[in-house]
Amino acid sequence: MNSKQRNERYLCLEIAYFGVLSGIVGTFLSIYALRLGATSQDIGLLSSLPALASLLFLVPAGRFLERYHNILRPTVVVGFVQRAQYLLIALVALLPLWLRVPGLIAAVTLGAIAAAMGSVAFTVMFGQIVPAADRSRRSHGEDGRVHAGASRARAQRDRARAGHHDDPRRAQGTGPCRPV
């Protein structure tokens, strides 16, 4: 196995590992928060603040990362910070009772900021290290841009214009959505 194949394998393993890790943590995060004494409002903040932080930090992350010629270093740093969030989440249980829930919300929100930077950095890094010929033709075009979502949306729009609706209530105009 040459170094290119080995690196591709490590990249795939890293993506799979982190996907499973974040999926497991995301599934049980609300339950963990409730066990720490979270209220309904705290659960709402736990769900919404990371999304708001991501929304606010995606564009500044891109501007910040433009400064780097070698994108690997910031990608590794933000990846480490993003994964450190899981250690912080576990250590929150050791805080005094009155700090546990705010600490959990803060740890998850800071992790979301790192995730926003990490997603931008990873996308740029992926484009730099994986040759266009090796990328999936199904999800990327020849120029490396993602086309699958746009193609799917275009196909749904065309089907809707042709009168083929997935929801029969929508086709009749009786459902929550009126026909286009």
C-alpha atoms as a PDB file:
ATOM      1  CA  MET A   1       0.000   0.000   0.000  1.00  0.00           C
ATOM      2  CA  ASN A   2       1.550   3.314  -1.047  1.00  0.00           C
ATOM      3  CA  SER A   3       1.386   6.509   1.015  1.00  0.00           C
ATOM      4  CA  LYS A   4      -1.491   7.969  -1.014  1.00  0.00           C
ATOM      5  CA  GLN A   5      -3.669   4.921  -0.402  1.00  0.00           C
ATOM      6  CA  ARG A   6      -2.678   4.862   3.270  1.00  0.00           C
ATOM      7  CA  ASN A   7      -3.578   8.557   3.659  1.00  0.00           C
ATOM      8  CA  GLU A   8      -6.921   8.023   1.930  1.00  0.00           C
ATOM      9  CA  ARG A   9      -7.628   5.118   4.252  1.00  0.00           C
ATOM     10  CA  TYR A  10      -6.769   7.196   7.347  1.00  0.00           C
ATOM     11  CA  LEU A  11      -8.966  10.014   6.064  1.00  0.00           C
ATOM     12  CA  CYS A  12     -11.917   7.661   5.620  1.00  0.00           C
ATOM     13  CA  LEU A  13     -11.364   6.134   9.062  1.00  0.00           C
ATOM     14  CA  GLU A  14     -11.186   9.595  10.648  1.00  0.00           C
ATOM     15  CA  ILE A  15     -14.415  10.686   8.980  1.00  0.00           C
ATOM     16  CA  ALA A  16     -16.176   7.485  10.043  1.00  0.00           C
ATOM     17  CA  TYR A  17     -14.851   7.676  13.613  1.00  0.00           C
ATOM     18  CA  PHE A  18     -15.903  11.268  14.078  1.00  0.00           C
ATOM     19  CA  GLY A  19     -19.308  10.678  12.489  1.00  0.00           C
ATOM     20  CA  VAL A  20     -20.047   7.831  14.875  1.00  0.00           C
ATOM     21  CA  LEU A  21     -18.705   9.773  17.869  1.00  0.00           C
ATOM     22  CA  SER A  22     -20.733  12.906  17.173  1.00  0.00           C
ATOM     23  CA  GLY A  23     -23.837  10.840  16.423  1.00  0.00           C
ATOM     24  CA  ILE A  24     -23.614   8.993  19.723  1.00  0.00           C
ATOM     25  CA  VAL A  25     -22.974  12.141  21.741  1.00  0.00           C
ATOM     26  CA  GLY A  26     -25.742  14.038  19.950  1.00  0.00           C
ATOM     27  CA  THR A  27     -28.218  11.274  20.690  1.00  0.00           C
ATOM     28  CA  PHE A  28     -27.648  11.275  24.428  1.00  0.00           C
ATOM     29  CA  LEU A  29     -26.742  14.930  25.047  1.00  0.00           C
ATOM     30  CA  SER A  30     -30.238  16.020  26.101  1.00  0.00           C
ATOM     31  CA  ILE A  31     -30.569  13.044  28.429  1.00  0.00           C
ATOM     32  CA  TYR A  32     -27.186  13.859  29.953  1.00  0.00           C
ATOM     33  CA  ALA A  33     -28.281  17.481  30.399  1.00  0.00           C
ATOM     34  CA  LEU A  34     -31.472  16.381  32.143  1.00  0.00           C
ATOM     35  CA  ARG A  35     -29.443  14.161  34.474  1.00  0.00           C
ATOM     36  CA  LEU A  36     -27.307  17.212  35.287  1.00  0.00           C
ATOM     37  CA  GLY A  37     -30.462  19.125  36.255  1.00  0.00           C
ATOM     38  CA  ALA A  38     -31.319  20.992  33.048  1.00  0.00           C
ATOM     39  CA  THR A  39     -34.707  22.654  32.626  1.00  0.00           C
ATOM     40  CA  SER A  40     -36.764  22.827  29.433  1.00  0.00           C
ATOM     41  CA  GLN A  41     -35.261  26.239  28.722  1.00  0.00           C
ATOM     42  CA  ASP A  42     -31.759  24.810  29.167  1.00  0.00           C
ATOM     43  CA  ILE A  43     -32.538  22.023  26.684  1.00  0.00           C
ATOM     44  CA  GLY A  44     -33.764  24.673  24.237  1.00  0.00           C
ATOM     45  CA  LEU A  45     -30.531  26.624  24.669  1.00  0.00           C
ATOM     46  CA  LEU A  46     -28.516  23.431  24.291  1.00  0.00           C
ATOM     47  CA  SER A  47     -30.252  22.809  20.973  1.00  0.00           C
ATOM     48  CA  SER A  48     -30.275  26.344  19.584  1.00  0.00           C
ATOM     49  CA  LEU A  49     -27.059  28.052  20.725  1.00  0.00           C
ATOM     50  CA  PRO A  50     -24.718  25.713  18.818  1.00  0.00           C
ATOM     51  CA  ALA A  51     -26.731  26.279  15.642  1.00  0.00           C
ATOM     52  CA  LEU A  52     -26.658  30.043  16.156  1.00  0.00           C
ATOM     53  CA  ALA A  53     -22.914  29.965  16.862  1.00  0.00           C
ATOM     54  CA  SER A  54     -22.332  27.969  13.671  1.00  0.00           C
ATOM     55  CA  LEU A  55     -24.406  30.415  11.670  1.00  0.00           C
ATOM     56  CA  LEU A  56     -22.498  33.388  13.048  1.00  0.00           C
ATOM     57  CA  PHE A  57     -19.020  31.889  12.678  1.00  0.00           C
ATOM     58  CA  LEU A  58     -19.062  30.197   9.254  1.00  0.00           C
ATOM     59  CA  VAL A  59     -18.268  33.303   7.199  1.00  0.00           C
ATOM     60  CA  PRO A  60     -15.678  34.701   9.646  1.00  0.00           C
ATOM     61  CA  ALA A  61     -14.081  31.238   9.712  1.00  0.00           C
ATOM     62  CA  GLY A  62     -13.683  31.337   5.954  1.00  0.00           C
ATOM     63  CA  ARG A  63     -12.151  34.808   6.098  1.00  0.00           C
ATOM     64  CA  PHE A  64      -9.800  33.727   8.891  1.00  0.00           C
ATOM     65  CA  LEU A  65      -8.689  30.604   7.028  1.00  0.00           C
ATOM     66  CA  GLU A  66      -7.902  32.580   3.855  1.00  0.00           C
ATOM     67  CA  ARG A  67      -4.725  33.734   5.604  1.00  0.00           C
ATOM     68  CA  TYR A  68      -3.238  30.235   5.559  1.00  0.00           C
ATOM     69  CA  HIS A  69      -1.376  28.868   2.582  1.00  0.00           C
ATOM     70  CA  ASN A  70      -1.064  25.441   4.229  1.00  0.00           C
ATOM     71  CA  ILE A  71      -4.594  24.686   5.441  1.00  0.00           C
ATOM     72  CA  LEU A  72      -3.569  21.442   7.156  1.00  0.00           C
ATOM     73  CA  ARG A  73      -2.334  23.115  10.338  1.00  0.00           C
ATOM     74  CA  PRO A  74      -5.542  25.059  11.182  1.00  0.00           C
ATOM     75  CA  THR A  75      -7.602  22.009  10.194  1.00  0.00           C
ATOM     76  CA  VAL A  76      -5.748  19.841  12.701  1.00  0.00           C
ATOM     77  CA  VAL A  77      -5.918  22.503  15.429  1.00  0.00           C
ATOM     78  CA  VAL A  78      -9.665  23.077  15.082  1.00  0.00           C
ATOM     79  CA  GLY A  79     -10.217  19.341  14.801  1.00  0.00           C
ATOM     80  CA  PHE A  80      -8.401  18.885  18.108  1.00  0.00           C
ATOM     81  CA  VAL A  81     -10.413  21.665  19.763  1.00  0.00           C
ATOM     82  CA  GLN A  82     -13.635  20.209  18.392  1.00  0.00           C
ATOM     83  CA  ARG A  83     -12.797  16.776  19.800  1.00  0.00           C
ATOM     84  CA  ALA A  84     -11.697  18.276  23.123  1.00  0.00           C
ATOM     85  CA  GLN A  85     -15.296  19.387  23.521  1.00  0.00           C
ATOM     86  CA  TYR A  86     -16.226  15.776  24.278  1.00  0.00           C
ATOM     87  CA  LEU A  87     -13.751  15.669  27.151  1.00  0.00           C
ATOM     88  CA  LEU A  88     -15.188  18.940  28.459  1.00  0.00           C
ATOM     89  CA  ILE A  89     -18.702  17.505  28.232  1.00  0.00           C
ATOM     90  CA  ALA A  90     -17.627  14.538  30.354  1.00  0.00           C
ATOM     91  CA  LEU A  91     -15.809  16.741  32.884  1.00  0.00           C
ATOM     92  CA  VAL A  92     -18.844  18.994  33.357  1.00  0.00           C
ATOM     93  CA  ALA A  93     -20.195  16.420  35.813  1.00  0.00           C
ATOM     94  CA  LEU A  94     -17.297  17.274  38.155  1.00  0.00           C
ATOM     95  CA  LEU A  95     -18.284  20.958  38.403  1.00  0.00           C
ATOM     96  CA  PRO A  96     -20.368  22.330  41.289  1.00  0.00           C
ATOM     97  CA  LEU A  97     -24.092  21.719  40.796  1.00  0.00           C
ATOM     98  CA  TRP A  98     -24.924  25.312  39.853  1.00  0.00           C
ATOM     99  CA  LEU A  99     -22.257  25.328  37.101  1.00  0.00           C
ATOM    100  CA  ARG A 100     -22.966  21.985  35.467  1.00  0.00           C
ATOM    101  CA  VAL A 101     -25.721  22.956  33.039  1.00  0.00           C
ATOM    102  CA  PRO A 102     -24.219  26.341  32.041  1.00  0.00           C
ATOM    103  CA  GLY A 103     -20.855  24.572  31.628  1.00  0.00           C
ATOM    104  CA  LEU A 104     -22.439  21.951  29.386  1.00  0.00           C
ATOM    105  CA  ILE A 105     -24.139  24.601  27.247  1.00  0.00           C
ATOM    106  CA  ALA A 106     -20.867  26.551  26.994  1.00  0.00           C
ATOM    107  CA  ALA A 107     -18.844  23.432  26.076  1.00  0.00           C
ATOM    108  CA  VAL A 108     -21.300  22.408  23.352  1.00  0.00           C
ATOM    109  CA  THR A 109     -21.502  25.958  21.967  1.00  0.00           C
ATOM    110  CA  LEU A 110     -17.707  26.328  21.881  1.00  0.00           C
ATOM    111  CA  GLY A 111     -17.535  22.962  20.156  1.00  0.00           C
ATOM    112  CA  ALA A 112     -19.996  24.249  17.548  1.00  0.00           C
ATOM    113  CA  ILE A 113     -17.761  27.245  16.866  1.00  0.00           C
ATOM    114  CA  ALA A 114     -14.816  24.901  16.364  1.00  0.00           C
ATOM    115  CA  ALA A 115     -17.016  22.691  14.172  1.00  0.00           C
ATOM    116  CA  ALA A 116     -17.919  25.678  11.978  1.00  0.00           C
ATOM    117  CA  MET A 117     -14.265  26.502  11.484  1.00  0.00           C
ATOM    118  CA  GLY A 118     -13.442  22.831  11.050  1.00  0.00           C
ATOM    119  CA  SER A 119     -16.053  22.260   8.371  1.00  0.00           C
ATOM    120  CA  VAL A 120     -14.750  25.179   6.311  1.00  0.00           C
ATOM    121  CA  ALA A 121     -11.115  24.145   6.834  1.00  0.00           C
ATOM    122  CA  PHE A 122     -11.819  20.478   6.074  1.00  0.00           C
ATOM    123  CA  THR A 123     -13.655  21.316   2.870  1.00  0.00           C
ATOM    124  CA  VAL A 124     -10.761  23.463   1.652  1.00  0.00           C
ATOM    125  CA  MET A 125      -8.192  20.880   2.745  1.00  0.00           C
ATOM    126  CA  PHE A 126     -10.108  18.069   1.048  1.00  0.00           C
ATOM    127  CA  GLY A 127     -10.146  20.032  -2.194  1.00  0.00           C
ATOM    128  CA  GLN A 128      -6.398  20.597  -1.931  1.00  0.00           C
ATOM    129  CA  ILE A 129      -5.288  17.064  -1.094  1.00  0.00           C
ATOM    130  CA  VAL A 130      -7.690  14.890  -3.091  1.00  0.00           C
ATOM    131  CA  PRO A 131      -7.226  15.181  -6.849  1.00  0.00           C
ATOM    132  CA  ALA A 132     -10.410  15.980  -8.761  1.00  0.00           C
ATOM    133  CA  ALA A 133     -10.104  12.698 -10.672  1.00  0.00           C
ATOM    134  CA  ASP A 134     -10.303  10.746  -7.407  1.00  0.00           C
ATOM    135  CA  ARG A 135     -13.413  12.474  -6.073  1.00  0.00           C
ATOM    136  CA  SER A 136     -16.777  10.868  -6.459  1.00  0.00           C
ATOM    137  CA  ARG A 137     -18.339  11.848  -9.766  1.00  0.00           C
ATOM    138  CA  ARG A 138     -21.766  11.395  -8.246  1.00  0.00           C
ATOM    139  CA  SER A 139     -21.405  14.154  -5.667  1.00  0.00           C
ATOM    140  CA  HIS A 140     -18.868  16.372  -7.413  1.00  0.00           C
ATOM    141  CA  GLY A 141     -18.555  17.731 -10.908  1.00  0.00           C
ATOM    142  CA  GLU A 142     -15.378  17.883 -12.924  1.00  0.00           C
ATOM    143  CA  ASP A 143     -14.515  21.227 -11.348  1.00  0.00           C
ATOM    144  CA  GLY A 144     -14.872  19.866  -7.799  1.00  0.00           C
ATOM    145  CA  ARG A 145     -18.024  21.779  -6.893  1.00  0.00           C
ATOM    146  CA  VAL A 146     -20.842  19.917  -5.189  1.00  0.00           C
ATOM    147  CA  HIS A 147     -23.739  19.339  -7.560  1.00  0.00           C
ATOM    148  CA  ALA A 148     -25.801  16.572  -5.979  1.00  0.00           C
ATOM    149  CA  GLY A 149     -27.978  18.800  -3.782  1.00  0.00           C
ATOM    150  CA  ALA A 150     -28.661  21.257  -6.578  1.00  0.00           C
ATOM    151  CA  SER A 151     -29.514  18.428  -8.969  1.00  0.00           C
ATOM    152  CA  ARG A 152     -31.887  16.876  -6.440  1.00  0.00           C
ATOM    153  CA  ALA A 153     -33.601  20.210  -5.778  1.00  0.00           C
ATOM    154  CA  ARG A 154     -33.852  20.894  -9.510  1.00  0.00           C
ATOM    155  CA  ALA A 155     -35.399  17.444 -10.107  1.00  0.00           C
ATOM    156  CA  GLN A 156     -37.982  17.991  -7.343  1.00  0.00           C
ATOM    157  CA  ARG A 157     -38.847  21.419  -8.734  1.00  0.00           C
ATOM    158  CA  ASP A 158     -39.258  20.021 -12.247  1.00  0.00           C
ATOM    159  CA  ARG A 159     -41.456  17.176 -10.984  1.00  0.00           C
ATOM    160  CA  ALA A 160     -43.607  19.653  -9.057  1.00  0.00           C
ATOM    161  CA  ARG A 161     -44.016  21.869 -12.131  1.00  0.00           C
ATOM    162  CA  ALA A 162     -44.990  18.824 -14.164  1.00  0.00           C
ATOM    163  CA  GLY A 163     -47.716  18.008 -11.636  1.00  0.00           C
ATOM    164  CA  HIS A 164     -45.992  15.058  -9.952  1.00  0.00           C
ATOM    165  CA  HIS A 165     -46.303  15.779  -6.242  1.00  0.00           C
ATOM    166  CA  ASP A 166     -44.949  13.586  -3.482  1.00  0.00           C
ATOM    167  CA  ASP A 167     -47.750  14.642  -1.132  1.00  0.00           C
ATOM    168  CA  PRO A 168     -51.231  14.077  -2.618  1.00  0.00           C
ATOM    169  CA  ARG A 169     -52.686  16.769  -0.319  1.00  0.00           C
ATOM    170  CA  ARG A 170     -50.277  19.288  -1.812  1.00  0.00           C
ATOM    171  CA  ALA A 171     -51.261  18.317  -5.346  1.00  0.00           C
ATOM    172  CA  GLN A 172     -54.930  18.938  -4.440  1.00  0.00           C
ATOM    173  CA  GLY A 173     -54.152  22.171  -2.594  1.00  0.00           C
ATOM    174  CA  THR A 174     -55.594  20.839   0.689  1.00  0.00           C
ATOM    175  CA  GLY A 175     -52.407  20.221   2.666  1.00  0.00           C
ATOM    176  CA  PRO A 176     -50.256  22.626   4.638  1.00  0.00           C
ATOM    177  CA  CYS A 177     -48.410  23.611   1.451  1.00  0.00           C
ATOM    178  CA  ARG A 178     -50.146  25.040  -1.564  1.00  0.00           C
ATOM    179  CA  PRO A 179     -49.085  23.964  -5.071  1.00  0.00           C
ATOM    180  CA  VAL A 180     -46.305  25.930  -6.700  1.00  0.00           C
END
